[in-house]
Amino acid sequence: QVQLVESGGGLVQAGGSPRLSCVASRITFGLYRMGWYRQAPGKQRELVASITSGGSANYVDPVKDRFTVSRDDAKNTIYLQMNSLKPEDTAVYYCNAVWRRLGGLNEYWGQGTQVTVSS
């Protein structure tokens, strides 16, 4: 079955620069738009950054100029480099894979990795 496995979270001090990774298995990775979402306590899950199969990246305003999403199709892996972390970045970060194929949609989620930013 399809698996997305995130890693790289943990407790980080404000201003820190951790990198999250997400390894996908059993999908044709190059077809998928990949994304990072996050969910803070008491809040809805929100998109953080995404990258298309062609490598075009998009970011939400709160993380622009601080986070960088990238993908390595040879390794079936996407990354989220997070810089200048703030306490408000504390959340569970989820990896997402979407393929809008003819006649349907394939979408998968990882189990999430906790990022806690201490002030």
Protein backbone atom coordinates (compact mmCIF):
# COMPACT_ATOMS: atom_id res chain seq x y z
CA GLN A 1 0.00 0.00 0.00
CA VAL A 2 1.00 3.61 -0.48
CA GLN A 3 3.03 5.13 2.32
CA LEU A 4 4.21 8.65 3.01
CA VAL A 5 6.61 8.75 5.93
CA GLU A 6 7.68 12.06 7.43
CA SER A 7 10.73 12.64 9.59
CA GLY A 8 12.78 15.51 10.96
CA GLY A 9 10.42 17.00 13.49
CA GLY A 10 11.07 17.55 17.15
CA LEU A 11 11.69 20.30 19.69
CA VAL A 12 13.44 23.30 18.19
CA GLN A 13 14.39 26.66 19.60
CA ALA A 14 12.99 29.80 18.02
CA GLY A 15 15.21 30.82 15.16
CA GLY A 16 16.19 27.23 14.44
CA SER A 17 16.40 25.61 11.01
CA PRO A 18 15.22 22.01 10.91
CA ARG A 19 14.53 20.12 7.71
CA LEU A 20 11.57 17.81 7.31
CA SER A 21 11.64 14.89 4.89
CA CYS A 22 8.87 12.79 3.42
CA VAL A 23 9.58 9.54 1.63
CA ALA A 24 6.86 8.10 -0.58
CA SER A 25 6.53 4.48 -1.55
CA ARG A 26 4.37 2.63 -4.05
CA ILE A 27 3.38 5.66 -6.08
CA THR A 28 4.70 7.00 -9.37
CA PHE A 29 6.24 9.89 -7.51
CA GLY A 30 6.98 12.07 -10.52
CA LEU A 31 3.28 12.33 -11.37
CA TYR A 32 2.31 13.79 -8.02
CA ARG A 33 2.00 17.31 -6.75
CA MET A 34 3.51 17.14 -3.29
CA GLY A 35 2.72 19.36 -0.37
CA TRP A 36 3.32 20.10 3.27
CA TYR A 37 0.40 20.91 5.52
CA ARG A 38 0.33 21.67 9.23
CA GLN A 39 -2.20 21.55 12.00
CA ALA A 40 -1.77 23.45 15.22
CA PRO A 41 -3.76 22.55 18.36
CA GLY A 42 -7.34 23.73 18.04
CA LYS A 43 -6.89 24.82 14.45
CA GLN A 44 -7.71 23.40 11.05
CA ARG A 45 -5.11 21.77 8.89
CA GLU A 46 -3.61 24.31 6.50
CA LEU A 47 -1.39 24.23 3.46
CA VAL A 48 2.17 25.40 4.09
CA ALA A 49 3.90 24.79 0.78
CA SER A 50 3.50 22.71 -2.34
CA ILE A 51 5.60 21.71 -5.31
CA THR A 52 4.32 20.50 -8.65
CA SER A 53 5.60 17.57 -10.63
CA GLY A 54 7.49 20.12 -12.72
CA GLY A 55 9.17 21.64 -9.68
CA SER A 56 7.17 24.85 -9.26
CA ALA A 57 6.82 25.78 -5.62
CA ASN A 58 4.19 27.79 -3.81
CA TYR A 59 4.05 29.02 -0.25
CA VAL A 60 1.53 30.58 2.08
CA ASP A 61 2.36 34.09 3.21
CA PRO A 62 3.36 33.29 6.82
CA VAL A 63 6.24 31.08 5.65
CA LYS A 64 7.36 32.86 2.51
CA ASP A 65 11.07 33.72 2.64
CA ARG A 66 11.54 31.34 5.61
CA PHE A 67 10.59 27.89 4.29
CA THR A 68 11.76 26.13 1.14
CA VAL A 69 10.11 23.06 -0.36
CA SER A 70 12.04 20.82 -2.74
CA ARG A 71 11.76 17.37 -4.24
CA ASP A 72 14.13 14.64 -5.32
CA ASP A 73 12.25 12.39 -7.70
CA ALA A 74 15.10 9.89 -7.79
CA LYS A 75 14.61 9.33 -4.06
CA ASN A 76 10.80 9.68 -3.98
CA THR A 77 11.35 12.35 -1.37
CA ILE A 78 10.28 15.88 -0.65
CA TYR A 79 11.83 18.22 1.85
CA LEU A 80 10.78 21.27 3.80
CA GLN A 81 13.68 23.41 4.90
CA MET A 82 12.41 25.63 7.69
CA ASN A 83 14.42 28.66 8.74
CA SER A 84 13.89 31.32 11.38
CA LEU A 85 11.29 29.25 13.16
CA LYS A 86 8.75 31.00 15.37
CA PRO A 87 6.61 29.63 18.20
CA GLU A 88 3.57 30.02 15.94
CA ASP A 89 5.09 27.45 13.59
CA THR A 90 4.42 24.80 16.23
CA ALA A 91 2.19 22.16 14.68
CA VAL A 92 2.00 18.65 13.35
CA TYR A 93 3.37 18.73 9.81
CA TYR A 94 1.85 16.39 7.24
CA CYS A 95 3.08 15.31 3.84
CA ASN A 96 0.49 15.17 1.02
CA ALA A 97 0.57 13.66 -2.44
CA VAL A 98 -2.02 14.46 -5.11
CA TRP A 99 -2.40 13.24 -8.68
CA ARG A 100 -5.32 14.57 -10.68
CA ARG A 101 -5.50 11.76 -13.21
CA LEU A 102 -8.03 11.38 -15.98
CA GLY A 103 -11.29 10.38 -14.38
CA GLY A 104 -10.31 10.77 -10.78
CA LEU A 105 -8.03 11.91 -8.02
CA ASN A 106 -5.39 10.01 -6.09
CA GLU A 107 -4.54 11.60 -2.76
CA TYR A 108 -2.46 10.33 0.11
CA TRP A 109 -1.36 11.63 3.52
CA GLY A 110 1.49 10.85 5.84
CA GLN A 111 1.03 10.27 9.53
CA GLY A 112 2.54 13.61 10.49
CA THR A 113 5.58 14.77 12.40
CA GLN A 114 5.43 17.12 15.38
CA VAL A 115 7.41 20.34 15.30
CA THR A 116 7.48 22.27 18.56
CA VAL A 117 9.18 25.64 18.65
CA SER A 118 10.23 26.94 22.03
CA SER A 119 10.65 30.64 22.65
